[in-house]
Amino acid sequence: MQGWHRRRWYIGLASSAVAACLILGIGMVTWHRAEHPTSVAQVQIMNPHDLNADGQVDIVDALVLAKRVQRHEARPENDLNHDGLVTASDADELASTIVRLQGGVSR
């Protein structure tokens, strides 16, 4: 093959490879969406204070946090008063915030 024929052949081969990759990629995305449909109803943003994962932050979550503190199972993200420790005062803070938000008596 002469130089320009060889170059043209390589360009054609590269173009075919790129087209094959695009077709394969589009096929994979289409297959993934068909196998794993996602609707707006299925996607929920989890509130980090919803400790029992029932979709709402309420007094039950404060009780769950208190139990986790007693069992030494609390996580660093449960440090609500930002003192560097997760203690009963964090459970109290959560309970107080819930009562305040629901229109109850505040401290």
Protein backbone atom coordinates (compact mmCIF):
# COMPACT_ATOMS: atom_id res chain seq x y z
CA MET A 1 0.00 0.00 0.00
CA GLN A 2 1.11 3.46 -0.67
CA GLY A 3 1.29 6.13 2.03
CA TRP A 4 -2.00 7.86 1.38
CA HIS A 5 -3.86 4.55 0.93
CA ARG A 6 -2.47 3.27 4.22
CA ARG A 7 -3.41 6.50 5.99
CA ARG A 8 -6.91 6.37 4.58
CA TRP A 9 -7.23 2.73 5.67
CA TYR A 10 -6.15 3.62 9.25
CA ILE A 11 -8.60 6.52 9.39
CA GLY A 12 -11.40 4.22 8.22
CA LEU A 13 -10.43 1.61 10.80
CA ALA A 14 -10.30 4.20 13.60
CA SER A 15 -13.66 5.65 12.56
CA SER A 16 -15.20 2.17 12.58
CA ALA A 17 -13.78 1.50 16.05
CA VAL A 18 -15.18 4.77 17.40
CA ALA A 19 -18.60 4.03 15.88
CA ALA A 20 -18.59 0.52 17.39
CA CYS A 21 -17.73 1.93 20.82
CA LEU A 22 -20.53 4.49 20.59
CA ILE A 23 -23.05 1.85 19.56
CA LEU A 24 -21.89 -0.43 22.37
CA GLY A 25 -22.04 2.41 24.92
CA ILE A 26 -25.53 3.49 23.88
CA GLY A 27 -26.67 -0.13 24.01
CA MET A 28 -25.27 -0.57 27.53
CA VAL A 29 -26.98 2.59 28.81
CA THR A 30 -30.29 1.54 27.22
CA TRP A 31 -29.99 -1.96 28.70
CA HIS A 32 -29.12 -0.58 32.15
CA ARG A 33 -32.13 1.73 32.14
CA ALA A 34 -34.43 -1.11 31.07
CA GLU A 35 -33.09 -3.41 33.79
CA HIS A 36 -33.00 -0.74 36.53
CA PRO A 37 -35.86 1.71 35.98
CA THR A 38 -35.87 4.73 38.26
CA SER A 39 -38.85 6.92 38.75
CA VAL A 40 -39.11 10.07 40.78
CA ALA A 41 -41.18 8.17 43.35
CA GLN A 42 -38.32 5.70 43.94
CA VAL A 43 -35.69 8.33 44.66
CA GLN A 44 -35.78 9.74 48.17
CA ILE A 45 -33.35 12.11 49.78
CA MET A 46 -32.60 10.70 53.19
CA ASN A 47 -32.51 13.09 56.10
CA PRO A 48 -29.46 12.25 58.24
CA HIS A 49 -31.58 12.71 61.37
CA ASP A 50 -34.17 10.12 60.23
CA LEU A 51 -32.45 7.37 62.18
CA ASN A 52 -35.20 4.76 61.86
CA ALA A 53 -35.60 5.46 58.10
CA ASP A 54 -39.38 5.89 58.20
CA GLY A 55 -39.30 9.03 56.05
CA GLN A 56 -39.83 11.54 58.86
CA VAL A 57 -37.83 13.00 61.71
CA ASP A 58 -39.79 12.63 64.91
CA ILE A 59 -39.41 11.80 68.59
CA VAL A 60 -38.80 8.13 67.69
CA ASP A 61 -35.55 9.20 66.02
CA ALA A 62 -34.47 10.93 69.23
CA LEU A 63 -35.18 7.71 71.12
CA VAL A 64 -33.19 5.71 68.57
CA LEU A 65 -30.26 8.09 69.01
CA ALA A 66 -30.49 7.80 72.80
CA LYS A 67 -30.37 4.00 72.50
CA ARG A 68 -27.38 4.18 70.14
CA VAL A 69 -25.56 6.42 72.62
CA GLN A 70 -26.26 3.94 75.45
CA ARG A 71 -24.94 1.06 73.33
CA HIS A 72 -21.93 3.08 72.10
CA GLU A 73 -23.20 2.66 68.51
CA ALA A 74 -23.69 6.33 67.63
CA ARG A 75 -21.98 7.65 64.52
CA PRO A 76 -19.98 10.88 64.20
CA GLU A 77 -22.69 12.44 62.00
CA ASN A 78 -25.03 12.21 65.02
CA ASP A 79 -23.03 14.93 66.80
CA LEU A 80 -25.80 17.53 66.65
CA ASN A 81 -24.32 20.04 69.08
CA HIS A 82 -20.92 19.90 67.33
CA ASP A 83 -18.87 19.31 70.47
CA GLY A 84 -16.90 16.45 68.90
CA LEU A 85 -18.72 13.76 70.92
CA VAL A 86 -21.98 11.92 70.43
CA THR A 87 -23.65 11.83 73.85
CA ALA A 88 -27.08 11.97 75.45
CA SER A 89 -27.01 15.74 74.96
CA ASP A 90 -27.19 15.14 71.19
CA ALA A 91 -30.33 13.03 71.65
CA ASP A 92 -31.74 15.81 73.86
CA GLU A 93 -30.89 18.36 71.18
CA LEU A 94 -32.70 16.31 68.54
CA ALA A 95 -35.76 15.88 70.77
CA SER A 96 -35.79 19.58 71.59
CA THR A 97 -35.56 20.53 67.93
CA ILE A 98 -38.40 18.17 67.02
CA VAL A 99 -40.65 19.54 69.75
CA ARG A 100 -39.80 23.12 68.72
CA LEU A 101 -40.54 22.39 65.04
CA GLN A 102 -43.83 20.69 65.83
CA GLY A 103 -45.04 23.66 67.83
CA GLY A 104 -44.48 22.26 71.32
CA VAL A 105 -42.90 23.81 74.35
CA SER A 106 -39.38 25.12 73.82
CA ARG A 107 -36.59 25.51 76.38
